[in-house]
Amino acid sequence: GFLAACIGMIFGVISFEIMKKKYL
């Protein structure tokens, strides 16, 4: 359960870093 929460947070960080320069 904790690992699933960790993976969810990693998805969020990666999404932000990949797309922030294009959309923000």
PDB file of all heavy atoms in Angstrom:
ATOM      1  N   GLY A   1       0.819  -1.209   0.000  1.00  0.00           N
ATOM      2  CA  GLY A   1       0.000   0.000   0.000  1.00  0.00           C
ATOM      3  C   GLY A   1       0.851   1.257   0.000  1.00  0.00           C
ATOM      4  O   GLY A   1       0.577   2.219  -0.737  1.00  0.00           O
ATOM      5  N   PHE A   2       1.904   1.262   0.821  1.00  0.00           N
ATOM      6  CA  PHE A   2       2.806   2.414   0.854  1.00  0.00           C
ATOM      7  C   PHE A   2       3.572   2.548  -0.455  1.00  0.00           C
ATOM      8  O   PHE A   2       3.839   3.663  -0.917  1.00  0.00           O
ATOM      9  CB  PHE A   2       3.782   2.284   2.027  1.00  0.00           C
ATOM     10  CG  PHE A   2       3.131   2.377   3.377  1.00  0.00           C
ATOM     11  CD1 PHE A   2       3.398   1.440   4.358  1.00  0.00           C
ATOM     12  CD2 PHE A   2       2.244   3.399   3.668  1.00  0.00           C
ATOM     13  CE1 PHE A   2       2.807   1.518   5.606  1.00  0.00           C
ATOM     14  CE2 PHE A   2       1.635   3.496   4.914  1.00  0.00           C
ATOM     15  CZ  PHE A   2       1.917   2.548   5.891  1.00  0.00           C
ATOM     16  N   LEU A   3       3.929   1.419  -1.052  1.00  0.00           N
ATOM     17  CA  LEU A   3       4.639   1.482  -2.327  1.00  0.00           C
ATOM     18  C   LEU A   3       3.747   2.054  -3.421  1.00  0.00           C
ATOM     19  O   LEU A   3       4.209   2.837  -4.269  1.00  0.00           O
ATOM     20  CB  LEU A   3       5.125   0.086  -2.726  1.00  0.00           C
ATOM     21  CG  LEU A   3       5.947   0.009  -4.018  1.00  0.00           C
ATOM     22  CD1 LEU A   3       7.224   0.837  -3.897  1.00  0.00           C
ATOM     23  CD2 LEU A   3       6.292  -1.442  -4.353  1.00  0.00           C
ATOM     24  N   ALA A   4       2.462   1.701  -3.417  1.00  0.00           N
ATOM     25  CA  ALA A   4       1.528   2.267  -4.392  1.00  0.00           C
ATOM     26  C   ALA A   4       1.437   3.785  -4.216  1.00  0.00           C
ATOM     27  O   ALA A   4       1.395   4.537  -5.203  1.00  0.00           O
ATOM     28  CB  ALA A   4       0.151   1.628  -4.234  1.00  0.00           C
ATOM     29  N   ALA A   5       1.406   4.247  -2.966  1.00  0.00           N
ATOM     30  CA  ALA A   5       1.377   5.689  -2.701  1.00  0.00           C
ATOM     31  C   ALA A   5       2.655   6.355  -3.202  1.00  0.00           C
ATOM     32  O   ALA A   5       2.622   7.462  -3.744  1.00  0.00           O
ATOM     33  CB  ALA A   5       1.194   5.938  -1.207  1.00  0.00           C
ATOM     34  N   CYS A   6       3.788   5.684  -3.035  1.00  0.00           N
ATOM     35  CA  CYS A   6       5.072   6.207  -3.510  1.00  0.00           C
ATOM     36  C   CYS A   6       5.075   6.322  -5.033  1.00  0.00           C
ATOM     37  O   CYS A   6       5.488   7.344  -5.587  1.00  0.00           O
ATOM     38  CB  CYS A   6       6.200   5.294  -3.039  1.00  0.00           C
ATOM     39  SG  CYS A   6       7.840   5.753  -3.654  1.00  0.00           S
ATOM     40  N   ILE A   7       4.593   5.292  -5.713  1.00  0.00           N
ATOM     41  CA  ILE A   7       4.565   5.301  -7.179  1.00  0.00           C
ATOM     42  C   ILE A   7       3.649   6.409  -7.695  1.00  0.00           C
ATOM     43  O   ILE A   7       3.966   7.094  -8.675  1.00  0.00           O
ATOM     44  CB  ILE A   7       4.113   3.928  -7.705  1.00  0.00           C
ATOM     45  CG1 ILE A   7       5.185   2.880  -7.395  1.00  0.00           C
ATOM     46  CG2 ILE A   7       3.828   3.973  -9.200  1.00  0.00           C
ATOM     47  CD1 ILE A   7       4.769   1.455  -7.702  1.00  0.00           C
ATOM     48  N   GLY A   8       2.521   6.610  -7.026  1.00  0.00           N
ATOM     49  CA  GLY A   8       1.630   7.696  -7.418  1.00  0.00           C
ATOM     50  C   GLY A   8       2.305   9.048  -7.336  1.00  0.00           C
ATOM     51  O   GLY A   8       2.178   9.890  -8.242  1.00  0.00           O
ATOM     52  N   MET A   9       3.078   9.266  -6.260  1.00  0.00           N
ATOM     53  CA  MET A   9       3.776  10.545  -6.113  1.00  0.00           C
ATOM     54  C   MET A   9       4.858  10.699  -7.182  1.00  0.00           C
ATOM     55  O   MET A   9       5.058  11.795  -7.730  1.00  0.00           O
ATOM     56  CB  MET A   9       4.403  10.612  -4.715  1.00  0.00           C
ATOM     57  CG  MET A   9       4.904  11.998  -4.329  1.00  0.00           C
ATOM     58  SD  MET A   9       3.578  13.195  -4.170  1.00  0.00           S
ATOM     59  CE  MET A   9       3.984  14.346  -5.470  1.00  0.00           C
ATOM     60  N   ILE A  10       5.541   9.617  -7.502  1.00  0.00           N
ATOM     61  CA  ILE A  10       6.568   9.673  -8.548  1.00  0.00           C
ATOM     62  C   ILE A  10       5.945  10.009  -9.895  1.00  0.00           C
ATOM     63  O   ILE A  10       6.491  10.818 -10.659  1.00  0.00           O
ATOM     64  CB  ILE A  10       7.337   8.336  -8.608  1.00  0.00           C
ATOM     65  CG1 ILE A  10       8.184   8.161  -7.343  1.00  0.00           C
ATOM     66  CG2 ILE A  10       8.219   8.277  -9.851  1.00  0.00           C
ATOM     67  CD1 ILE A  10       8.830   6.794  -7.219  1.00  0.00           C
ATOM     68  N   PHE A  11       4.795   9.433 -10.211  1.00  0.00           N
ATOM     69  CA  PHE A  11       4.090   9.774 -11.445  1.00  0.00           C
ATOM     70  C   PHE A  11       3.792  11.271 -11.503  1.00  0.00           C
ATOM     71  O   PHE A  11       3.947  11.912 -12.545  1.00  0.00           O
ATOM     72  CB  PHE A  11       2.778   8.989 -11.547  1.00  0.00           C
ATOM     73  CG  PHE A  11       2.935   7.584 -12.030  1.00  0.00           C
ATOM     74  CD1 PHE A  11       1.940   6.654 -11.814  1.00  0.00           C
ATOM     75  CD2 PHE A  11       4.067   7.176 -12.708  1.00  0.00           C
ATOM     76  CE1 PHE A  11       2.072   5.342 -12.248  1.00  0.00           C
ATOM     77  CE2 PHE A  11       4.222   5.871 -13.157  1.00  0.00           C
ATOM     78  CZ  PHE A  11       3.211   4.958 -12.922  1.00  0.00           C
ATOM     79  N   GLY A  12       3.343  11.824 -10.382  1.00  0.00           N
ATOM     80  CA  GLY A  12       3.026  13.245 -10.343  1.00  0.00           C
ATOM     81  C   GLY A  12       4.246  14.116 -10.594  1.00  0.00           C
ATOM     82  O   GLY A  12       4.189  15.081 -11.370  1.00  0.00           O
ATOM     83  N   VAL A  13       5.368  13.791  -9.960  1.00  0.00           N
ATOM     84  CA  VAL A  13       6.599  14.576 -10.122  1.00  0.00           C
ATOM     85  C   VAL A  13       7.111  14.484 -11.559  1.00  0.00           C
ATOM     86  O   VAL A  13       7.502  15.493 -12.161  1.00  0.00           O
ATOM     87  CB  VAL A  13       7.677  14.098  -9.131  1.00  0.00           C
ATOM     88  CG1 VAL A  13       9.008  14.780  -9.417  1.00  0.00           C
ATOM     89  CG2 VAL A  13       7.251  14.382  -7.698  1.00  0.00           C
ATOM     90  N   ILE A  14       7.112  13.280 -12.113  1.00  0.00           N
ATOM     91  CA  ILE A  14       7.601  13.102 -13.487  1.00  0.00           C
ATOM     92  C   ILE A  14       6.727  13.869 -14.476  1.00  0.00           C
ATOM     93  O   ILE A  14       7.234  14.532 -15.396  1.00  0.00           O
ATOM     94  CB  ILE A  14       7.653  11.605 -13.842  1.00  0.00           C
ATOM     95  CG1 ILE A  14       8.751  10.906 -13.036  1.00  0.00           C
ATOM     96  CG2 ILE A  14       7.899  11.415 -15.341  1.00  0.00           C
ATOM     97  CD1 ILE A  14       8.797   9.405 -13.230  1.00  0.00           C
ATOM     98  N   SER A  15       5.415  13.793 -14.303  1.00  0.00           N
ATOM     99  CA  SER A  15       4.505  14.530 -15.194  1.00  0.00           C
ATOM    100  C   SER A  15       4.787  16.021 -15.141  1.00  0.00           C
ATOM    101  O   SER A  15       4.826  16.702 -16.175  1.00  0.00           O
ATOM    102  CB  SER A  15       3.053  14.252 -14.795  1.00  0.00           C
ATOM    103  OG  SER A  15       2.740  12.879 -14.880  1.00  0.00           O
ATOM    104  N   PHE A  16       5.002  16.527 -13.941  1.00  0.00           N
ATOM    105  CA  PHE A  16       5.261  17.963 -13.770  1.00  0.00           C
ATOM    106  C   PHE A  16       6.564  18.365 -14.446  1.00  0.00           C
ATOM    107  O   PHE A  16       6.619  19.371 -15.171  1.00  0.00           O
ATOM    108  CB  PHE A  16       5.305  18.295 -12.283  1.00  0.00           C
ATOM    109  CG  PHE A  16       5.551  19.742 -11.977  1.00  0.00           C
ATOM    110  CD1 PHE A  16       4.523  20.670 -12.099  1.00  0.00           C
ATOM    111  CD2 PHE A  16       6.799  20.180 -11.581  1.00  0.00           C
ATOM    112  CE1 PHE A  16       4.748  22.016 -11.830  1.00  0.00           C
ATOM    113  CE2 PHE A  16       7.033  21.522 -11.298  1.00  0.00           C
ATOM    114  CZ  PHE A  16       6.001  22.436 -11.427  1.00  0.00           C
ATOM    115  N   GLU A  17       7.625  17.599 -14.230  1.00  0.00           N
ATOM    116  CA  GLU A  17       8.925  17.959 -14.767  1.00  0.00           C
ATOM    117  C   GLU A  17       8.966  17.856 -16.289  1.00  0.00           C
ATOM    118  O   GLU A  17       9.596  18.673 -16.958  1.00  0.00           O
ATOM    119  CB  GLU A  17      10.010  17.072 -14.152  1.00  0.00           C
ATOM    120  CG  GLU A  17      10.386  17.466 -12.744  1.00  0.00           C
ATOM    121  CD  GLU A  17      10.919  18.878 -12.675  1.00  0.00           C
ATOM    122  OE1 GLU A  17      11.934  19.181 -13.338  1.00  0.00           O
ATOM    123  OE2 GLU A  17      10.297  19.701 -11.979  1.00  0.00           O
ATOM    124  N   ILE A  18       8.294  16.866 -16.855  1.00  0.00           N
ATOM    125  CA  ILE A  18       8.327  16.677 -18.307  1.00  0.00           C
ATOM    126  C   ILE A  18       7.564  17.762 -19.048  1.00  0.00           C
ATOM    127  O   ILE A  18       7.998  18.253 -20.091  1.00  0.00           O
ATOM    128  CB  ILE A  18       7.777  15.275 -18.680  1.00  0.00           C
ATOM    129  CG1 ILE A  18       8.753  14.186 -18.233  1.00  0.00           C
ATOM    130  CG2 ILE A  18       7.526  15.170 -20.183  1.00  0.00           C
ATOM    131  CD1 ILE A  18       8.241  12.779 -18.480  1.00  0.00           C
ATOM    132  N   MET A  19       6.430  18.171 -18.496  1.00  0.00           N
ATOM    133  CA  MET A  19       5.522  19.046 -19.249  1.00  0.00           C
ATOM    134  C   MET A  19       5.453  20.487 -18.765  1.00  0.00           C
ATOM    135  O   MET A  19       4.775  21.306 -19.381  1.00  0.00           O
ATOM    136  CB  MET A  19       4.112  18.435 -19.234  1.00  0.00           C
ATOM    137  CG  MET A  19       4.020  17.119 -19.973  1.00  0.00           C
ATOM    138  SD  MET A  19       2.325  16.448 -20.064  1.00  0.00           S
ATOM    139  CE  MET A  19       2.183  15.708 -18.443  1.00  0.00           C
ATOM    140  N   LYS A  20       6.147  20.828 -17.681  1.00  0.00           N
ATOM    141  CA  LYS A  20       5.992  22.176 -17.132  1.00  0.00           C
ATOM    142  C   LYS A  20       6.504  23.268 -18.076  1.00  0.00           C
ATOM    143  O   LYS A  20       5.912  24.343 -18.169  1.00  0.00           O
ATOM    144  CB  LYS A  20       6.701  22.270 -15.779  1.00  0.00           C
ATOM    145  CG  LYS A  20       8.218  22.188 -15.839  1.00  0.00           C
ATOM    146  CD  LYS A  20       8.833  22.324 -14.457  1.00  0.00           C
ATOM    147  CE  LYS A  20      10.350  22.299 -14.522  1.00  0.00           C
ATOM    148  NZ  LYS A  20      10.958  22.413 -13.163  1.00  0.00           N
ATOM    149  N   LYS A  21       7.605  23.008 -18.807  1.00  0.00           N
ATOM    150  CA  LYS A  21       8.161  24.031 -19.678  1.00  0.00           C
ATOM    151  C   LYS A  21       7.257  24.302 -20.894  1.00  0.00           C
ATOM    152  O   LYS A  21       7.291  25.391 -21.460  1.00  0.00           O
ATOM    153  CB  LYS A  21       9.556  23.627 -20.154  1.00  0.00           C
ATOM    154  CG  LYS A  21      10.593  23.640 -19.044  1.00  0.00           C
ATOM    155  CD  LYS A  21      11.973  23.298 -19.580  1.00  0.00           C
ATOM    156  CE  LYS A  21      13.016  23.335 -18.461  1.00  0.00           C
ATOM    157  NZ  LYS A  21      14.373  22.992 -18.967  1.00  0.00           N
ATOM    158  N   LYS A  22       6.484  23.301 -21.265  1.00  0.00           N
ATOM    159  CA  LYS A  22       5.611  23.457 -22.416  1.00  0.00           C
ATOM    160  C   LYS A  22       4.286  24.113 -22.048  1.00  0.00           C
ATOM    161  O   LYS A  22       3.762  24.942 -22.803  1.00  0.00           O
ATOM    162  CB  LYS A  22       5.350  22.084 -23.051  1.00  0.00           C
ATOM    163  CG  LYS A  22       4.483  22.137 -24.295  1.00  0.00           C
ATOM    164  CD  LYS A  22       4.340  20.768 -24.925  1.00  0.00           C
ATOM    165  CE  LYS A  22       3.482  20.823 -26.194  1.00  0.00           C
ATOM    166  NZ  LYS A  22       3.337  19.483 -26.814  1.00  0.00           N
ATOM    167  N   TYR A  23       3.716  23.748 -20.899  1.00  0.00           N
ATOM    168  CA  TYR A  23       2.351  24.158 -20.583  1.00  0.00           C
ATOM    169  C   TYR A  23       2.250  25.205 -19.460  1.00  0.00           C
ATOM    170  O   TYR A  23       1.233  25.872 -19.360  1.00  0.00           O
ATOM    171  CB  TYR A  23       1.516  22.945 -20.188  1.00  0.00           C
ATOM    172  CG  TYR A  23       1.332  21.971 -21.314  1.00  0.00           C
ATOM    173  CD1 TYR A  23       1.864  20.696 -21.260  1.00  0.00           C
ATOM    174  CD2 TYR A  23       0.613  22.334 -22.462  1.00  0.00           C
ATOM    175  CE1 TYR A  23       1.698  19.797 -22.302  1.00  0.00           C
ATOM    176  CE2 TYR A  23       0.440  21.448 -23.516  1.00  0.00           C
ATOM    177  CZ  TYR A  23       0.983  20.177 -23.424  1.00  0.00           C
ATOM    178  OH  TYR A  23       0.820  19.306 -24.469  1.00  0.00           O
ATOM    179  N   LEU A  24       3.295  25.334 -18.645  1.00  0.00           N
ATOM    180  CA  LEU A  24       3.225  26.311 -17.549  1.00  0.00           C
ATOM    181  C   LEU A  24       4.093  27.503 -17.878  1.00  0.00           C
ATOM    182  O   LEU A  24       5.142  27.737 -17.272  1.00  0.00           O
ATOM    183  CB  LEU A  24       3.658  25.657 -16.232  1.00  0.00           C
ATOM    184  CG  LEU A  24       2.795  24.487 -15.765  1.00  0.00           C
ATOM    185  CD1 LEU A  24       3.363  23.894 -14.491  1.00  0.00           C
ATOM    186  CD2 LEU A  24       1.353  24.922 -15.550  1.00  0.00           C
TER     187      LEU A  24
END
